[in-house]
Every structure is written in structure tokens, then in C-alpha cells.
Amino acid sequence: MKTADPELMRAINRLNVLDTIRRHGPISRIEISERTELSTTTVSAITASLLDDGLILPRHEGDIRNETVRGRPRVALELNPDAARVVGGKIAANRMVFVVTNFRGDVLSKLALPIRIDRQPIGVIADLVEDGVRRCVVDAGLSLEDVDSICLGFPGVVEHRTGYIRSSPIFRDTNVDFAAEMSTRLSTPTIVESDAHAITLGHHWFGRARDLEDMVLISLEQTLGLGVLHGNRLFRGAGGLSHNLGDLVLGMGPNGIVRLFSQAGESAILGEQQADGRFAEAIRLGRGMTHAQALIKADDDRLIGAAIRAGEAVGLTIANIVTLFAPPRVILVGSSLALGEPFLNSLRDAYALAIPPSLRGVSELVFDDSSDDFWAQGAAAVALYELYESPWSTTGPAL
């Protein structure tokens, strides 16, 4: 009978213990054993190694000077915030946002640059991103030599394992090896990730899914993205591919296949309004959906109809995703939420009609208006997660 690779099992257990300390620390070894279902002996050996590597710190709880208290003070374990520092970035068509965080995910500095970068030559985009990263690092009182990893989140289809951006509205070209470009420029390991995956991990670490091991996130931005978390890990496709939810087929129409982006994408919602002078300027500045909300409140029938159609399409999509995965929570984020009640009400109604009776009440729908800072913090979480997984090699952050 074939047995599991003992080195792999040790690495998995180590990651499990480290993640438990991250989520629940300060936490005692006994509590870690209970949460991970590992023996106290195994937990003691792993935590001793993590302490030696400088990834965690002991915290003595109780007053050791009080002689009336019997026994040794309780020792709890927590992450060492100084074990590593990372940069996370959200790269959108009309703005870039960067954060620097420590190993615990605390934000040390943040920088927002409202600048349009889409469809620029790759070299120009790389220059702007490089300047943003360097400025944010300096604002944190650090140098790039102090940074262990950088993660940049992009809209579109990203192959995380290779660092290639297969397609994105940011670039004119396809299959852009942006991770290698930025790693060379910054002399720091740089990874790329889809913005939907980044904010999924952000919510798992810091936000509305911190209490969950399984969840689904749907991103309704310039592109429509999907993040699936299972067993505390992001689910990725072959080669680490992200998921372009906009390409999901809804059915057949008079003109052929109907995909989600044709009903719920930003261009489909804004439609002919994009040619309007004030509207065009708002879109250029990344405020198209906010301007659309104002017009909807002013009873613009065309936009109200578009918002209702988009909400119905997204509601049906969520019902299909819940039918496949039955997650305890589905989080919706992105600029389309600014469309307000016509969009949200039609979404809820379509979801309620389409969800199978056996799955009603299984998944909670959560609508979250996350700031750009939080999206960038999610990218930082991806970088931290890569460092967390570095214990596969059993070395610590000098990792």
C-alpha cells in the first residue's frame, strides 16, 4: 500500500499550524492542537521550529511577578510582524493603489495614484508601476532590500504559476510576462495575480470571510472575476489560471452564444451613455458606475433597464455557482454595486427564483463595497501566502 510522502505531510502540517496562529493568535499550543487535530507532540515540534525560524513569537499571559498565582504563566503564540515585509498593488485602468504590510498583514504605508495606464506600451506601464512600488516602500521607511516579495493584482486572466498575464484590459498585448519584467526592475521577487483572487484572499485574511475555510467571491469591476476558496486555499485552474467569469455562457440568443459580460459587463451596462460628454469623462476617471448611480436616481430609464438586466444575469450566475459549490458565503464586490437598488433587487429576485429548493438558505449573500486599499491589501495577502507556503522548504523567512 502506497503511503503519503512524509516530507510533504510535515510541510502541510507546518503550514496548517502557521495559518492557525495567523487566524486565531495569540493562541496556546493546546488550542492549536484542538483546531488542527494534530497531536500536542506534533504541535510542540512544529511551533518550536517556527520559533527558531523567527516566524512566531511567544506571549506570556498572566502576571509572572504575582507569587500568589500558582503554576507557570500561560504562553500564547502569535505571528512575528517583523518576520517579513511585502508590497501589494491593485492595478486598474485608471488608478493604481499600493500598500506595504508586515508579516501579520498590518499596513505600514499606502499610496494611491489616480493615473490612466490602460493601453499604454508595456514599458510605460512598467515604469509607472515601478515608481508606485518604490514610493510606497519609501513612505514605509524601508528600502526594497527590506521587502521580501511583491504581488500585483490585475483584471483579466492571469497565469499565477508562470507570471504571465494572458489577457487584461490594461495591456494591448496578450501573454505578457509582467512578473519577470518587474522582478528584474525591482530586484525583488514579484508575482502577478488576478485582482479577483487577490481580494478573495484579502477577505479570507482580513475581511468578511475570516471565519470561513470555504467561500466564493464574485468581482464586478471592469472585468467580471471569480474567486473560490476551499479548505483555506485558493482554487486555481491549470497553470494557476484565474477565472474570467465574464466568459460564462448564459445561453443562446438570436445572434449566437450569450455570455455574462454581454449582459453584466461595464460596457453592456453603460451602453450608449459612454459617448455622452460628461459620462465619457466620468468613465475615463474611473467613476462611470458612480455617475450611473446618480442618473438612475434621476430616473434614467435606459440605465435602470440595463441595471435590472445585469442584476438578473448576475443573480442567475450566482445560483449556478451555489449549485456547483454550495459555499456558506458568497461575497460580491466591485463598482457595479454602485448601481444601487435596481441592480441589487433584480439580482436577489433572480437568485431566489433560480436556486434549487434543496439549497435554499445554504449560502449567505454578502455585498461589500471594499476600498481600493483593501484590494491592494488582498494582493499583499497573496504575497504573504506565498511566504507562508515557503515552509514547504522548512527554512524561515530569510525564507
Protein backbone atom coordinates (compact mmCIF):
# COMPACT_ATOMS: atom_id res chain seq x y z
CA MET A 1 0.00 0.00 0.00
CA LYS A 2 1.38 3.40 -1.01
CA THR A 3 1.93 5.82 1.89
CA ALA A 4 1.97 9.61 1.87
CA ASP A 5 5.25 11.44 1.41
CA PRO A 6 6.39 12.19 5.00
CA GLU A 7 8.17 15.41 3.94
CA LEU A 8 5.01 16.64 2.25
CA MET A 9 2.90 15.80 5.28
CA ARG A 10 5.30 17.66 7.58
CA ALA A 11 5.15 20.70 5.30
CA ILE A 12 1.35 20.60 5.20
CA ASN A 13 1.16 20.32 8.98
CA ARG A 14 3.58 23.20 9.38
CA LEU A 15 1.52 25.44 7.09
CA ASN A 16 -1.64 24.41 8.92
CA VAL A 17 -0.17 25.37 12.29
CA LEU A 18 1.17 28.67 10.99
CA ASP A 19 -2.16 29.57 9.42
CA THR A 20 -4.00 28.68 12.64
CA ILE A 21 -1.73 31.04 14.59
CA ARG A 22 -2.37 33.74 11.99
CA ARG A 23 -6.12 33.41 12.21
CA HIS A 24 -6.55 32.84 15.93
CA GLY A 25 -3.42 34.12 17.63
CA PRO A 26 -2.39 34.76 20.30
CA ILE A 27 -3.22 31.09 20.82
CA SER A 28 -1.89 28.33 23.07
CA ARG A 29 -0.39 25.08 21.84
CA ILE A 30 -3.33 23.17 23.30
CA GLU A 31 -5.78 25.28 21.32
CA ILE A 32 -3.68 24.83 18.16
CA SER A 33 -3.83 21.06 18.69
CA GLU A 34 -7.61 21.19 19.07
CA ARG A 35 -8.15 23.35 15.97
CA THR A 36 -5.74 21.45 13.70
CA GLU A 37 -6.49 17.98 15.11
CA LEU A 38 -2.74 17.39 15.36
CA SER A 39 -1.21 15.79 18.44
CA THR A 40 0.26 18.05 21.10
CA THR A 41 3.65 16.46 20.44
CA THR A 42 3.45 17.35 16.74
CA VAL A 43 2.28 20.89 17.52
CA SER A 44 5.10 21.39 20.03
CA ALA A 45 7.71 20.26 17.50
CA ILE A 46 6.30 22.50 14.73
CA THR A 47 5.95 25.58 16.94
CA ALA A 48 9.49 25.09 18.23
CA SER A 49 10.71 25.14 14.62
CA LEU A 50 8.62 28.23 13.83
CA LEU A 51 10.05 29.99 16.89
CA ASP A 52 13.58 29.10 15.81
CA ASP A 53 12.88 30.48 12.33
CA GLY A 54 11.57 33.74 13.77
CA LEU A 55 8.10 33.38 12.23
CA ILE A 56 6.22 33.42 15.54
CA LEU A 57 6.68 34.93 18.99
CA PRO A 58 5.69 33.75 22.48
CA ARG A 59 3.42 35.92 24.61
CA HIS A 60 3.33 35.21 28.34
CA GLU A 61 -0.19 35.79 29.58
CA GLY A 62 -0.69 36.49 33.29
CA ASP A 63 1.48 38.24 35.84
CA ILE A 64 4.64 36.23 36.45
CA ARG A 65 5.51 38.57 39.36
CA ASN A 66 2.40 37.63 41.33
CA GLU A 67 3.60 34.99 43.77
CA THR A 68 0.03 34.13 44.79
CA VAL A 69 -0.66 32.71 41.33
CA ARG A 70 0.30 29.06 41.13
CA GLY A 71 1.95 27.42 38.18
CA ARG A 72 3.72 28.81 35.18
CA PRO A 73 2.14 31.67 33.19
CA ARG A 74 0.19 30.61 30.12
CA VAL A 75 2.22 31.00 26.92
CA ALA A 76 0.35 32.02 23.78
CA LEU A 77 1.84 32.18 20.31
CA GLU A 78 1.40 34.89 17.68
CA LEU A 79 2.93 35.89 14.37
CA ASN A 80 6.14 37.87 14.40
CA PRO A 81 5.19 41.04 12.49
CA ASP A 82 8.84 41.72 11.64
CA ALA A 83 9.42 38.31 10.05
CA ALA A 84 8.75 39.71 6.56
CA ARG A 85 7.51 42.74 4.65
CA VAL A 86 5.64 42.67 1.37
CA VAL A 87 4.10 45.06 -1.17
CA GLY A 88 0.64 44.58 -2.65
CA GLY A 89 -0.78 46.51 -5.59
CA LYS A 90 -4.13 46.86 -7.33
CA ILE A 91 -3.58 47.87 -10.94
CA ALA A 92 -6.70 49.22 -12.64
CA ALA A 93 -7.21 51.04 -15.92
CA ASN A 94 -7.37 54.48 -14.34
CA ARG A 95 -5.65 54.13 -10.98
CA MET A 96 -3.01 52.22 -9.06
CA VAL A 97 -3.04 51.56 -5.33
CA PHE A 98 -0.15 50.11 -3.32
CA VAL A 99 0.31 49.04 0.29
CA VAL A 100 3.27 47.78 2.29
CA THR A 101 2.45 45.31 5.06
CA ASN A 102 4.35 43.31 7.64
CA PHE A 103 4.16 39.53 8.13
CA ARG A 104 0.96 39.92 10.13
CA GLY A 105 -0.73 41.91 7.38
CA ASP A 106 -0.65 45.27 9.19
CA VAL A 107 -0.49 48.15 6.71
CA LEU A 108 2.72 50.15 7.08
CA SER A 109 2.07 52.58 4.23
CA LYS A 110 -0.31 53.08 1.33
CA LEU A 111 -0.23 55.07 -1.88
CA ALA A 112 -2.98 55.84 -4.40
CA LEU A 113 -2.12 57.15 -7.87
CA PRO A 114 -5.12 58.27 -9.96
CA ILE A 115 -3.49 57.82 -13.34
CA ARG A 116 -4.74 56.21 -16.52
CA ILE A 117 -2.45 53.40 -17.65
CA ASP A 118 -4.59 51.16 -19.82
CA ARG A 119 -3.43 50.51 -23.38
CA GLN A 120 -0.10 52.20 -22.81
CA PRO A 121 3.07 50.46 -24.06
CA ILE A 122 4.27 47.77 -21.66
CA GLY A 123 7.40 49.74 -20.85
CA VAL A 124 5.37 52.78 -19.81
CA ILE A 125 3.09 50.69 -17.59
CA ALA A 126 6.13 49.03 -16.01
CA ASP A 127 7.70 52.45 -15.35
CA LEU A 128 4.57 53.69 -13.58
CA VAL A 129 4.18 50.53 -11.51
CA GLU A 130 7.86 50.59 -10.56
CA ASP A 131 7.62 54.22 -9.41
CA GLY A 132 4.50 53.43 -7.36
CA VAL A 133 6.12 50.47 -5.61
CA ARG A 134 9.29 52.40 -4.83
CA ARG A 135 7.37 55.42 -3.47
CA CYS A 136 5.18 53.26 -1.23
CA VAL A 137 8.22 51.41 0.14
CA VAL A 138 9.99 54.70 0.92
CA ASP A 139 6.82 56.01 2.62
CA ALA A 140 7.02 52.97 4.93
CA GLY A 141 10.52 53.98 5.93
CA LEU A 142 12.02 51.00 4.13
CA SER A 143 14.12 50.18 1.10
CA LEU A 144 13.46 47.46 -1.46
CA GLU A 145 16.18 45.42 0.23
CA ASP A 146 13.83 45.18 3.23
CA VAL A 147 10.98 43.77 1.09
CA ASP A 148 10.64 40.00 0.74
CA SER A 149 8.01 39.84 -2.02
CA ILE A 150 5.71 41.93 -4.21
CA CYS A 151 2.31 40.95 -5.62
CA LEU A 152 0.46 42.93 -8.29
CA GLY A 153 -3.22 42.30 -8.90
CA PHE A 154 -4.56 42.81 -12.44
CA PRO A 155 -8.01 42.48 -14.01
CA GLY A 156 -8.28 39.69 -16.57
CA VAL A 157 -6.90 36.18 -16.93
CA VAL A 158 -3.64 35.65 -15.07
CA GLU A 159 -1.49 32.53 -15.00
CA HIS A 160 -0.17 32.76 -11.48
CA ARG A 161 2.36 29.94 -11.72
CA THR A 162 4.25 31.38 -14.69
CA GLY A 163 3.63 35.08 -14.08
CA TYR A 164 2.01 35.57 -17.49
CA ILE A 165 -1.00 37.83 -17.91
CA ARG A 166 -2.89 36.05 -20.68
CA SER A 167 -5.35 38.85 -21.27
CA SER A 168 -6.21 42.07 -19.48
CA PRO A 169 -7.87 45.36 -20.41
CA ILE A 170 -4.71 47.01 -19.06
CA PHE A 171 -2.49 45.70 -21.88
CA ARG A 172 -2.65 45.93 -25.65
CA ASP A 173 -0.83 42.60 -25.91
CA THR A 174 -1.67 39.12 -24.69
CA ASN A 175 0.58 36.73 -22.75
CA VAL A 176 2.59 39.49 -21.08
CA ASP A 177 5.36 38.19 -18.80
CA PHE A 178 4.94 41.06 -16.36
CA ALA A 179 6.21 39.21 -13.29
CA ALA A 180 9.62 38.69 -14.86
CA GLU A 181 9.72 42.31 -16.06
CA MET A 182 9.04 43.71 -12.59
CA SER A 183 11.25 41.20 -10.76
CA THR A 184 14.17 42.39 -12.89
CA ARG A 185 13.39 46.08 -12.46
CA LEU A 186 12.88 45.90 -8.70
CA SER A 187 15.43 43.16 -7.91
CA THR A 188 12.73 41.66 -5.68
CA PRO A 189 10.61 38.53 -6.29
CA THR A 190 7.42 39.78 -7.93
CA ILE A 191 4.30 37.74 -8.62
CA VAL A 192 1.13 38.63 -10.50
CA GLU A 193 -2.37 37.57 -9.60
CA SER A 194 -5.88 38.33 -10.76
CA ASP A 195 -7.48 41.13 -8.78
CA ALA A 196 -10.43 38.82 -8.02
CA HIS A 197 -8.13 36.22 -6.45
CA ALA A 198 -6.33 38.95 -4.51
CA ILE A 199 -9.46 40.36 -2.91
CA THR A 200 -10.73 36.83 -2.23
CA LEU A 201 -7.66 36.15 -0.13
CA GLY A 202 -7.96 39.64 1.37
CA HIS A 203 -11.46 38.85 2.64
CA HIS A 204 -10.28 35.48 3.94
CA TRP A 205 -7.43 37.09 5.88
CA PHE A 206 -8.83 40.45 6.95
CA GLY A 207 -12.46 40.80 5.90
CA ARG A 208 -15.86 39.18 5.57
CA ALA A 209 -14.63 35.58 5.32
CA ARG A 210 -12.04 35.48 8.08
CA ASP A 211 -14.16 32.93 9.94
CA LEU A 212 -14.53 30.58 6.94
CA GLU A 213 -12.47 27.88 5.25
CA ASP A 214 -14.71 27.82 2.16
CA MET A 215 -16.32 30.70 0.28
CA VAL A 216 -16.89 32.21 -3.16
CA LEU A 217 -16.26 35.79 -4.23
CA ILE A 218 -17.60 37.48 -7.36
CA SER A 219 -15.87 40.61 -8.59
CA LEU A 220 -17.98 43.05 -10.62
CA GLU A 221 -15.43 45.52 -11.92
CA GLN A 222 -14.22 46.39 -15.42
CA THR A 223 -13.90 42.63 -15.84
CA LEU A 224 -16.01 40.01 -14.04
CA GLY A 225 -13.90 37.75 -11.86
CA LEU A 226 -14.38 34.72 -9.63
CA GLY A 227 -12.51 33.60 -6.53
CA VAL A 228 -13.11 30.19 -4.96
CA LEU A 229 -11.65 29.35 -1.56
CA HIS A 230 -11.70 25.71 -0.44
CA GLY A 231 -10.01 24.39 2.67
CA ASN A 232 -8.34 27.78 3.27
CA ARG A 233 -6.71 27.63 -0.17
CA LEU A 234 -7.47 29.44 -3.41
CA PHE A 235 -8.68 27.18 -6.18
CA ARG A 236 -6.86 27.91 -9.41
CA GLY A 237 -7.07 26.35 -12.84
CA ALA A 238 -4.33 24.63 -14.82
CA GLY A 239 -1.06 26.55 -14.52
CA GLY A 240 -2.58 28.61 -11.74
CA LEU A 241 -5.08 30.26 -14.10
CA SER A 242 -7.62 32.70 -12.73
CA HIS A 243 -11.26 32.60 -13.78
CA ASN A 244 -12.83 35.11 -16.16
CA LEU A 245 -16.44 34.90 -15.06
CA GLY A 246 -17.49 37.23 -17.86
CA ASP A 247 -16.93 34.43 -20.38
CA LEU A 248 -19.53 32.23 -18.67
CA VAL A 249 -22.20 31.14 -21.17
CA LEU A 250 -25.74 32.04 -20.13
CA GLY A 251 -27.47 30.54 -23.13
CA MET A 252 -28.19 31.06 -26.82
CA GLY A 253 -29.70 34.17 -28.35
CA PRO A 254 -30.73 35.25 -31.85
CA ASN A 255 -27.13 36.23 -32.57
CA GLY A 256 -25.48 33.18 -31.06
CA ILE A 257 -23.94 32.48 -27.65
CA VAL A 258 -24.81 34.89 -24.84
CA ARG A 259 -22.05 35.39 -22.30
CA LEU A 260 -22.25 37.06 -18.92
CA PHE A 261 -20.12 40.07 -19.89
CA SER A 262 -22.60 40.96 -22.66
CA GLN A 263 -25.31 41.42 -20.00
CA ALA A 264 -23.44 42.44 -16.84
CA GLY A 265 -20.11 43.87 -18.01
CA GLU A 266 -19.41 47.55 -17.53
CA SER A 267 -19.69 48.28 -21.26
CA ALA A 268 -23.01 46.43 -21.51
CA ILE A 269 -24.47 48.38 -18.58
CA LEU A 270 -23.28 51.82 -19.64
CA GLY A 271 -24.06 51.19 -23.32
CA GLU A 272 -24.67 54.25 -25.46
CA GLN A 273 -24.22 56.51 -22.45
CA GLN A 274 -20.46 56.09 -22.83
CA ALA A 275 -20.50 58.54 -25.75
CA ASP A 276 -22.10 61.29 -23.67
CA GLY A 277 -19.59 64.03 -22.83
CA ARG A 278 -19.90 64.16 -19.04
CA PHE A 279 -20.41 60.40 -18.82
CA ALA A 280 -17.38 59.72 -21.00
CA GLU A 281 -15.23 61.90 -18.74
CA ALA A 282 -16.55 60.10 -15.63
CA ILE A 283 -15.70 56.72 -17.18
CA ARG A 284 -12.24 57.93 -18.09
CA LEU A 285 -11.67 58.87 -14.44
CA GLY A 286 -12.97 55.52 -13.19
CA ARG A 287 -16.25 56.96 -11.90
CA GLY A 288 -18.59 55.60 -14.55
CA MET A 289 -20.69 53.47 -12.21
CA THR A 290 -20.94 56.24 -9.61
CA HIS A 291 -22.17 58.63 -12.30
CA ALA A 292 -24.60 55.95 -13.50
CA GLN A 293 -25.98 55.69 -9.97
CA ALA A 294 -26.74 59.41 -9.97
CA LEU A 295 -28.57 59.07 -13.31
CA ILE A 296 -30.52 56.06 -12.04
CA LYS A 297 -31.67 58.12 -9.04
CA ALA A 298 -32.79 60.72 -11.57
CA ASP A 299 -34.96 58.03 -13.23
CA ASP A 300 -32.89 57.45 -16.37
CA ASP A 301 -34.96 54.64 -17.91
CA ARG A 302 -32.20 53.25 -20.14
CA LEU A 303 -29.76 52.86 -17.28
CA ILE A 304 -32.40 51.45 -14.95
CA GLY A 305 -33.24 48.82 -17.57
CA ALA A 306 -29.57 47.98 -18.08
CA ALA A 307 -29.03 47.68 -14.31
CA ILE A 308 -32.02 45.35 -13.99
CA ARG A 309 -30.80 43.12 -16.85
CA ALA A 310 -27.31 42.99 -15.34
CA GLY A 311 -28.68 42.13 -11.91
CA GLU A 312 -30.77 39.29 -13.34
CA ALA A 313 -27.77 37.85 -15.18
CA VAL A 314 -25.56 38.01 -12.09
CA GLY A 315 -28.30 36.51 -9.92
CA LEU A 316 -28.64 33.52 -12.25
CA THR A 317 -24.86 33.15 -12.31
CA ILE A 318 -24.68 33.10 -8.51
CA ALA A 319 -27.41 30.45 -8.39
CA ASN A 320 -25.40 28.27 -10.78
CA ILE A 321 -22.22 28.74 -8.72
CA VAL A 322 -24.06 27.86 -5.49
CA THR A 323 -25.49 24.79 -7.22
CA LEU A 324 -21.94 23.67 -8.07
CA PHE A 325 -20.10 24.55 -4.84
CA ALA A 326 -22.74 25.21 -2.13
CA PRO A 327 -20.43 27.64 -0.28
CA PRO A 328 -21.55 29.01 3.09
CA ARG A 329 -20.99 32.56 1.86
CA VAL A 330 -20.88 34.39 -1.48
CA ILE A 331 -19.28 37.83 -1.33
CA LEU A 332 -19.95 40.34 -4.10
CA VAL A 333 -17.58 43.26 -4.58
CA GLY A 334 -16.87 45.85 -7.23
CA SER A 335 -18.01 49.04 -8.86
CA SER A 336 -21.28 47.60 -10.21
CA LEU A 337 -22.69 47.59 -6.68
CA ALA A 338 -22.88 51.38 -7.04
CA LEU A 339 -25.85 50.88 -9.40
CA GLY A 340 -27.99 50.56 -6.30
CA GLU A 341 -31.44 49.09 -5.77
CA PRO A 342 -32.47 48.31 -9.39
CA PHE A 343 -29.37 46.14 -9.77
CA LEU A 344 -29.40 44.61 -6.28
CA ASN A 345 -33.13 43.89 -6.17
CA SER A 346 -33.17 42.19 -9.59
CA LEU A 347 -30.10 40.17 -8.56
CA ARG A 348 -31.76 38.94 -5.37
CA ASP A 349 -35.02 38.14 -7.17
CA ALA A 350 -33.30 36.17 -9.96
CA TYR A 351 -31.19 34.29 -7.44
CA ALA A 352 -34.25 33.36 -5.35
CA LEU A 353 -36.06 32.05 -8.45
CA ALA A 354 -33.10 30.05 -9.78
CA ILE A 355 -31.67 28.46 -6.64
CA PRO A 356 -32.74 24.80 -6.23
CA PRO A 357 -35.13 24.24 -3.29
CA SER A 358 -32.63 21.85 -1.69
CA LEU A 359 -30.02 24.63 -1.48
CA ARG A 360 -32.17 27.48 -0.23
CA GLY A 361 -30.64 29.03 2.85
CA VAL A 362 -27.28 27.30 2.35
CA SER A 363 -25.34 30.30 1.06
CA GLU A 364 -25.36 33.79 2.55
CA LEU A 365 -25.07 36.62 0.03
CA VAL A 366 -22.87 39.48 1.24
CA PHE A 367 -22.47 42.77 -0.64
CA ASP A 368 -19.23 44.54 0.22
CA ASP A 369 -18.12 47.94 -1.00
CA SER A 370 -14.38 47.39 -0.48
CA SER A 371 -11.99 50.30 -0.86
CA ASP A 372 -9.08 50.22 -3.30
CA ASP A 373 -6.78 50.00 -0.27
CA PHE A 374 -8.42 46.71 0.67
CA TRP A 375 -7.92 45.31 -2.85
CA ALA A 376 -4.22 46.17 -2.60
CA GLN A 377 -4.09 44.62 0.86
CA GLY A 378 -5.51 41.47 -0.71
CA ALA A 379 -2.61 41.43 -3.17
CA ALA A 380 -0.27 41.76 -0.19
CA ALA A 381 -2.05 38.77 1.35
CA VAL A 382 -1.21 36.75 -1.78
CA ALA A 383 2.45 37.67 -1.34
CA LEU A 384 2.29 36.72 2.34
CA TYR A 385 0.60 33.45 1.47
CA GLU A 386 3.48 32.62 -0.83
CA LEU A 387 5.84 33.23 2.09
CA TYR A 388 3.63 31.13 4.35
CA GLU A 389 3.95 28.31 1.85
CA SER A 390 7.71 28.74 1.79
CA PRO A 391 7.91 26.48 4.84
CA TRP A 392 7.49 23.70 2.27
CA SER A 393 11.27 24.11 2.23
CA THR A 394 11.42 24.23 6.07
CA THR A 395 13.56 27.36 6.11
CA GLY A 396 12.31 30.51 7.66
CA PRO A 397 11.92 33.91 6.03
CA ALA A 398 15.05 34.59 5.15
CA LEU A 399 12.65 32.22 3.86
